[in-house]
Amino acid sequence: MEDDLPASPCVRDCCLDETDVCLGCFRTLAEILAWHTADAEERRRIITRCEQRRLAHDAARHGRRDV
């Protein structure tokens, strides 16, 4: 059922870095393109990877290497 699908993490601040990761939502270009057809489980996995990328990005910005 479509109501059970996780919402898109898009924050409408799209800008791809040199590795094709959006600096707004932290999805890869491939994940952005696959989102529309992804089932709920795959969307949750994408969101988890986005959160991990965001944490790593924030840690790198602040000079931390422990993430």
PDB file of N, CA and C in Angstrom:
ATOM      1  N   MET A   1       0.832  -1.187   0.000  1.00  0.00           N
ATOM      2  CA  MET A   1       0.000   0.000   0.000  1.00  0.00           C
ATOM      3  C   MET A   1       0.872   1.244   0.000  1.00  0.00           C
ATOM      4  N   GLU A   2       0.559   2.199  -0.829  1.00  0.00           N
ATOM      5  CA  GLU A   2       1.373   3.389  -0.992  1.00  0.00           C
ATOM      6  C   GLU A   2       1.456   4.225   0.281  1.00  0.00           C
ATOM      7  N   ASP A   3       0.433   4.212   1.123  1.00  0.00           N
ATOM      8  CA  ASP A   3       0.452   4.984   2.364  1.00  0.00           C
ATOM      9  C   ASP A   3       1.540   4.506   3.314  1.00  0.00           C
ATOM     10  N   ASP A   4       1.980   3.251   3.157  1.00  0.00           N
ATOM     11  CA  ASP A   4       3.001   2.687   4.029  1.00  0.00           C
ATOM     12  C   ASP A   4       4.423   3.001   3.568  1.00  0.00           C
ATOM     13  N   LEU A   5       4.561   3.635   2.416  1.00  0.00           N
ATOM     14  CA  LEU A   5       5.882   3.945   1.896  1.00  0.00           C
ATOM     15  C   LEU A   5       6.493   5.130   2.637  1.00  0.00           C
ATOM     16  N   PRO A   6       7.770   5.008   3.027  1.00  0.00           N
ATOM     17  CA  PRO A   6       8.438   6.143   3.671  1.00  0.00           C
ATOM     18  C   PRO A   6       8.479   7.345   2.727  1.00  0.00           C
ATOM     19  N   ALA A   7       8.376   8.519   3.295  1.00  0.00           N
ATOM     20  CA  ALA A   7       8.419   9.758   2.515  1.00  0.00           C
ATOM     21  C   ALA A   7       9.822  10.005   1.992  1.00  0.00           C
ATOM     22  N   SER A   8       9.901  10.706   0.897  1.00  0.00           N
ATOM     23  CA  SER A   8      11.188  11.058   0.312  1.00  0.00           C
ATOM     24  C   SER A   8      11.985  11.941   1.278  1.00  0.00           C
ATOM     25  N   PRO A   9      13.286  11.705   1.368  1.00  0.00           N
ATOM     26  CA  PRO A   9      14.119  12.562   2.214  1.00  0.00           C
ATOM     27  C   PRO A   9      14.491  13.876   1.539  1.00  0.00           C
ATOM     28  N   CYS A  10      13.989  14.114   0.338  1.00  0.00           N
ATOM     29  CA  CYS A  10      14.324  15.321  -0.414  1.00  0.00           C
ATOM     30  C   CYS A  10      13.956  16.571   0.385  1.00  0.00           C
ATOM     31  N   VAL A  11      14.901  17.511   0.434  1.00  0.00           N
ATOM     32  CA  VAL A  11      14.666  18.779   1.135  1.00  0.00           C
ATOM     33  C   VAL A  11      14.672  19.952   0.163  1.00  0.00           C
ATOM     34  N   ARG A  12      14.600  19.642  -1.135  1.00  0.00           N
ATOM     35  CA  ARG A  12      14.541  20.648  -2.198  1.00  0.00           C
ATOM     36  C   ARG A  12      15.741  21.590  -2.181  1.00  0.00           C
ATOM     37  N   ASP A  13      16.901  21.032  -1.831  1.00  0.00           N
ATOM     38  CA  ASP A  13      18.159  21.784  -1.821  1.00  0.00           C
ATOM     39  C   ASP A  13      19.185  20.944  -2.579  1.00  0.00           C
ATOM     40  N   CYS A  14      18.873  20.662  -3.837  1.00  0.00           N
ATOM     41  CA  CYS A  14      19.632  19.705  -4.638  1.00  0.00           C
ATOM     42  C   CYS A  14      20.923  20.299  -5.166  1.00  0.00           C
ATOM     43  N   CYS A  15      22.008  19.606  -4.880  1.00  0.00           N
ATOM     44  CA  CYS A  15      23.319  19.957  -5.415  1.00  0.00           C
ATOM     45  C   CYS A  15      24.173  18.708  -5.302  1.00  0.00           C
ATOM     46  N   LEU A  16      24.566  18.130  -6.437  1.00  0.00           N
ATOM     47  CA  LEU A  16      25.370  16.916  -6.421  1.00  0.00           C
ATOM     48  C   LEU A  16      26.842  17.263  -6.227  1.00  0.00           C
ATOM     49  N   ASP A  17      27.516  16.475  -5.373  1.00  0.00           N
ATOM     50  CA  ASP A  17      28.956  16.655  -5.208  1.00  0.00           C
ATOM     51  C   ASP A  17      29.694  15.886  -6.301  1.00  0.00           C
ATOM     52  N   GLU A  18      31.010  15.796  -6.194  1.00  0.00           N
ATOM     53  CA  GLU A  18      31.816  15.149  -7.229  1.00  0.00           C
ATOM     54  C   GLU A  18      31.591  13.634  -7.303  1.00  0.00           C
ATOM     55  N   THR A  19      30.952  13.054  -6.302  1.00  0.00           N
ATOM     56  CA  THR A  19      30.649  11.617  -6.318  1.00  0.00           C
ATOM     57  C   THR A  19      29.170  11.360  -6.600  1.00  0.00           C
ATOM     58  N   ASP A  20      28.460  12.364  -7.083  1.00  0.00           N
ATOM     59  CA  ASP A  20      27.027  12.271  -7.404  1.00  0.00           C
ATOM     60  C   ASP A  20      26.160  11.966  -6.185  1.00  0.00           C
ATOM     61  N   VAL A  21      26.497  12.586  -5.053  1.00  0.00           N
ATOM     62  CA  VAL A  21      25.681  12.523  -3.842  1.00  0.00           C
ATOM     63  C   VAL A  21      25.072  13.897  -3.636  1.00  0.00           C
ATOM     64  N   CYS A  22      23.765  13.943  -3.446  1.00  0.00           N
ATOM     65  CA  CYS A  22      23.074  15.201  -3.206  1.00  0.00           C
ATOM     66  C   CYS A  22      23.448  15.740  -1.828  1.00  0.00           C
ATOM     67  N   LEU A  23      23.857  16.998  -1.772  1.00  0.00           N
ATOM     68  CA  LEU A  23      24.236  17.604  -0.502  1.00  0.00           C
ATOM     69  C   LEU A  23      23.028  18.132   0.278  1.00  0.00           C
ATOM     70  N   GLY A  24      21.838  17.950  -0.273  1.00  0.00           N
ATOM     71  CA  GLY A  24      20.620  18.303   0.450  1.00  0.00           C
ATOM     72  C   GLY A  24      20.074  17.112   1.220  1.00  0.00           C
ATOM     73  N   CYS A  25      19.874  15.986   0.513  1.00  0.00           N
ATOM     74  CA  CYS A  25      19.275  14.808   1.156  1.00  0.00           C
ATOM     75  C   CYS A  25      20.268  13.662   1.340  1.00  0.00           C
ATOM     76  N   PHE A  26      21.426  13.766   0.719  1.00  0.00           N
ATOM     77  CA  PHE A  26      22.503  12.782   0.812  1.00  0.00           C
ATOM     78  C   PHE A  26      22.188  11.447   0.137  1.00  0.00           C
ATOM     79  N   ARG A  27      21.251  11.474  -0.822  1.00  0.00           N
ATOM     80  CA  ARG A  27      21.047  10.298  -1.663  1.00  0.00           C
ATOM     81  C   ARG A  27      22.011  10.371  -2.837  1.00  0.00           C
ATOM     82  N   THR A  28      22.412   9.193  -3.333  1.00  0.00           N
ATOM     83  CA  THR A  28      23.193   9.173  -4.562  1.00  0.00           C
ATOM     84  C   THR A  28      22.249   9.435  -5.727  1.00  0.00           C
ATOM     85  N   LEU A  29      22.822   9.778  -6.862  1.00  0.00           N
ATOM     86  CA  LEU A  29      22.001   9.985  -8.043  1.00  0.00           C
ATOM     87  C   LEU A  29      21.216   8.717  -8.365  1.00  0.00           C
ATOM     88  N   ALA A  30      21.857   7.566  -8.238  1.00  0.00           N
ATOM     89  CA  ALA A  30      21.162   6.300  -8.501  1.00  0.00           C
ATOM     90  C   ALA A  30      19.985   6.092  -7.547  1.00  0.00           C
ATOM     91  N   GLU A  31      20.169   6.463  -6.271  1.00  0.00           N
ATOM     92  CA  GLU A  31      19.074   6.322  -5.301  1.00  0.00           C
ATOM     93  C   GLU A  31      17.932   7.279  -5.606  1.00  0.00           C
ATOM     94  N   ILE A  32      18.260   8.476  -6.043  1.00  0.00           N
ATOM     95  CA  ILE A  32      17.221   9.448  -6.411  1.00  0.00           C
ATOM     96  C   ILE A  32      16.392   8.906  -7.565  1.00  0.00           C
ATOM     97  N   LEU A  33      17.077   8.367  -8.571  1.00  0.00           N
ATOM     98  CA  LEU A  33      16.377   7.835  -9.743  1.00  0.00           C
ATOM     99  C   LEU A  33      15.567   6.587  -9.406  1.00  0.00           C
ATOM    100  N   ALA A  34      16.045   5.783  -8.460  1.00  0.00           N
ATOM    101  CA  ALA A  34      15.362   4.536  -8.104  1.00  0.00           C
ATOM    102  C   ALA A  34      14.222   4.751  -7.108  1.00  0.00           C
ATOM    103  N   TRP A  35      14.166   5.907  -6.464  1.00  0.00           N
ATOM    104  CA  TRP A  35      13.201   6.142  -5.386  1.00  0.00           C
ATOM    105  C   TRP A  35      11.770   5.850  -5.811  1.00  0.00           C
ATOM    106  N   HIS A  36      11.377   6.303  -6.968  1.00  0.00           N
ATOM    107  CA  HIS A  36       9.989   6.183  -7.421  1.00  0.00           C
ATOM    108  C   HIS A  36       9.514   4.732  -7.493  1.00  0.00           C
ATOM    109  N   THR A  37      10.406   3.822  -7.841  1.00  0.00           N
ATOM    110  CA  THR A  37      10.016   2.417  -7.986  1.00  0.00           C
ATOM    111  C   THR A  37      10.416   1.566  -6.788  1.00  0.00           C
ATOM    112  N   ALA A  38      11.107   2.132  -5.824  1.00  0.00           N
ATOM    113  CA  ALA A  38      11.564   1.370  -4.656  1.00  0.00           C
ATOM    114  C   ALA A  38      10.397   1.020  -3.741  1.00  0.00           C
ATOM    115  N   ASP A  39      10.435  -0.198  -3.202  1.00  0.00           N
ATOM    116  CA  ASP A  39       9.418  -0.598  -2.228  1.00  0.00           C
ATOM    117  C   ASP A  39       9.791  -0.012  -0.856  1.00  0.00           C
ATOM    118  N   ALA A  40       8.939  -0.226   0.122  1.00  0.00           N
ATOM    119  CA  ALA A  40       9.129   0.376   1.445  1.00  0.00           C
ATOM    120  C   ALA A  40      10.451  -0.056   2.078  1.00  0.00           C
ATOM    121  N   GLU A  41      10.793  -1.322   1.956  1.00  0.00           N
ATOM    122  CA  GLU A  41      12.034  -1.826   2.560  1.00  0.00           C
ATOM    123  C   GLU A  41      13.254  -1.155   1.932  1.00  0.00           C
ATOM    124  N   GLU A  42      13.277  -1.063   0.614  1.00  0.00           N
ATOM    125  CA  GLU A  42      14.399  -0.426  -0.068  1.00  0.00           C
ATOM    126  C   GLU A  42      14.460   1.061   0.272  1.00  0.00           C
ATOM    127  N   ARG A  43      13.327   1.722   0.381  1.00  0.00           N
ATOM    128  CA  ARG A  43      13.328   3.137   0.762  1.00  0.00           C
ATOM    129  C   ARG A  43      13.919   3.326   2.152  1.00  0.00           C
ATOM    130  N   ARG A  44      13.603   2.427   3.067  1.00  0.00           N
ATOM    131  CA  ARG A  44      14.179   2.513   4.421  1.00  0.00           C
ATOM    132  C   ARG A  44      15.695   2.326   4.373  1.00  0.00           C
ATOM    133  N   ARG A  45      16.160   1.406   3.523  1.00  0.00           N
ATOM    134  CA  ARG A  45      17.607   1.205   3.383  1.00  0.00           C
ATOM    135  C   ARG A  45      18.268   2.457   2.799  1.00  0.00           C
ATOM    136  N   ILE A  46      17.633   3.075   1.824  1.00  0.00           N
ATOM    137  CA  ILE A  46      18.163   4.307   1.241  1.00  0.00           C
ATOM    138  C   ILE A  46      18.246   5.395   2.305  1.00  0.00           C
ATOM    139  N   ILE A  47      17.193   5.552   3.090  1.00  0.00           N
ATOM    140  CA  ILE A  47      17.175   6.570   4.142  1.00  0.00           C
ATOM    141  C   ILE A  47      18.285   6.318   5.158  1.00  0.00           C
ATOM    142  N   THR A  48      18.500   5.065   5.517  1.00  0.00           N
ATOM    143  CA  THR A  48      19.575   4.722   6.461  1.00  0.00           C
ATOM    144  C   THR A  48      20.935   5.116   5.886  1.00  0.00           C
ATOM    145  N   ARG A  49      21.155   4.806   4.610  1.00  0.00           N
ATOM    146  CA  ARG A  49      22.428   5.186   3.982  1.00  0.00           C
ATOM    147  C   ARG A  49      22.567   6.705   3.922  1.00  0.00           C
ATOM    148  N   CYS A  50      21.477   7.408   3.659  1.00  0.00           N
ATOM    149  CA  CYS A  50      21.512   8.878   3.638  1.00  0.00           C
ATOM    150  C   CYS A  50      21.944   9.427   4.994  1.00  0.00           C
ATOM    151  N   GLU A  51      21.374   8.880   6.045  1.00  0.00           N
ATOM    152  CA  GLU A  51      21.712   9.333   7.396  1.00  0.00           C
ATOM    153  C   GLU A  51      23.183   9.080   7.692  1.00  0.00           C
ATOM    154  N   GLN A  52      23.693   7.924   7.266  1.00  0.00           N
ATOM    155  CA  GLN A  52      25.112   7.615   7.472  1.00  0.00           C
ATOM    156  C   GLN A  52      25.999   8.584   6.701  1.00  0.00           C
ATOM    157  N   ARG A  53      25.617   8.898   5.465  1.00  0.00           N
ATOM    158  CA  ARG A  53      26.389   9.850   4.665  1.00  0.00           C
ATOM    159  C   ARG A  53      26.358  11.240   5.285  1.00  0.00           C
ATOM    160  N   ARG A  54      25.197  11.631   5.790  1.00  0.00           N
ATOM    161  CA  ARG A  54      25.082  12.956   6.418  1.00  0.00           C
ATOM    162  C   ARG A  54      25.997  13.040   7.651  1.00  0.00           C
ATOM    163  N   LEU A  55      25.999  12.015   8.471  1.00  0.00           N
ATOM    164  CA  LEU A  55      26.860  11.999   9.661  1.00  0.00           C
ATOM    165  C   LEU A  55      28.334  12.073   9.273  1.00  0.00           C
ATOM    166  N   ALA A  56      28.730  11.290   8.256  1.00  0.00           N
ATOM    167  CA  ALA A  56      30.120  11.300   7.802  1.00  0.00           C
ATOM    168  C   ALA A  56      30.490  12.671   7.226  1.00  0.00           C
ATOM    169  N   HIS A  57      29.573  13.257   6.476  1.00  0.00           N
ATOM    170  CA  HIS A  57      29.808  14.578   5.895  1.00  0.00           C
ATOM    171  C   HIS A  57      29.975  15.619   6.993  1.00  0.00           C
ATOM    172  N   ASP A  58      29.085  15.595   7.981  1.00  0.00           N
ATOM    173  CA  ASP A  58      29.161  16.559   9.082  1.00  0.00           C
ATOM    174  C   ASP A  58      30.443  16.370   9.887  1.00  0.00           C
ATOM    175  N   ALA A  59      30.832  15.111  10.118  1.00  0.00           N
ATOM    176  CA  ALA A  59      32.061  14.838  10.861  1.00  0.00           C
ATOM    177  C   ALA A  59      33.279  15.349  10.097  1.00  0.00           C
ATOM    178  N   ALA A  60      33.293  15.131   8.789  1.00  0.00           N
ATOM    179  CA  ALA A  60      34.417  15.601   7.969  1.00  0.00           C
ATOM    180  C   ALA A  60      34.493  17.125   7.978  1.00  0.00           C
ATOM    181  N   ARG A  61      33.342  17.768   7.945  1.00  0.00           N
ATOM    182  CA  ARG A  61      33.321  19.245   7.984  1.00  0.00           C
ATOM    183  C   ARG A  61      33.893  19.778   9.280  1.00  0.00           C
ATOM    184  N   HIS A  62      33.726  19.008  10.355  1.00  0.00           N
ATOM    185  CA  HIS A  62      34.197  19.452  11.669  1.00  0.00           C
ATOM    186  C   HIS A  62      35.511  18.800  12.046  1.00  0.00           C
ATOM    187  N   GLY A  63      36.156  18.152  11.069  1.00  0.00           N
ATOM    188  CA  GLY A  63      37.480  17.587  11.300  1.00  0.00           C
ATOM    189  C   GLY A  63      37.517  16.311  12.108  1.00  0.00           C
ATOM    190  N   ARG A  64      36.378  15.644  12.255  1.00  0.00           N
ATOM    191  CA  ARG A  64      36.334  14.399  13.019  1.00  0.00           C
ATOM    192  C   ARG A  64      36.464  13.232  12.061  1.00  0.00           C
ATOM    193  N   ARG A  65      37.103  12.176  12.518  1.00  0.00           N
ATOM    194  CA  ARG A  65      37.295  10.992  11.699  1.00  0.00           C
ATOM    195  C   ARG A  65      36.658   9.749  12.329  1.00  0.00           C
ATOM    196  N   ASP A  66      35.911   9.915  13.417  1.00  0.00           N
ATOM    197  CA  ASP A  66      35.386   8.764  14.168  1.00  0.00           C
ATOM    198  C   ASP A  66      34.027   8.272  13.678  1.00  0.00           C
ATOM    199  N   VAL A  67      33.501   8.811  12.597  1.00  0.00           N
ATOM    200  CA  VAL A  67      32.207   8.377  12.086  1.00  0.00           C
ATOM    201  C   VAL A  67      32.405   7.498  10.890  1.00  0.00           C
TER     202      VAL A  67
END
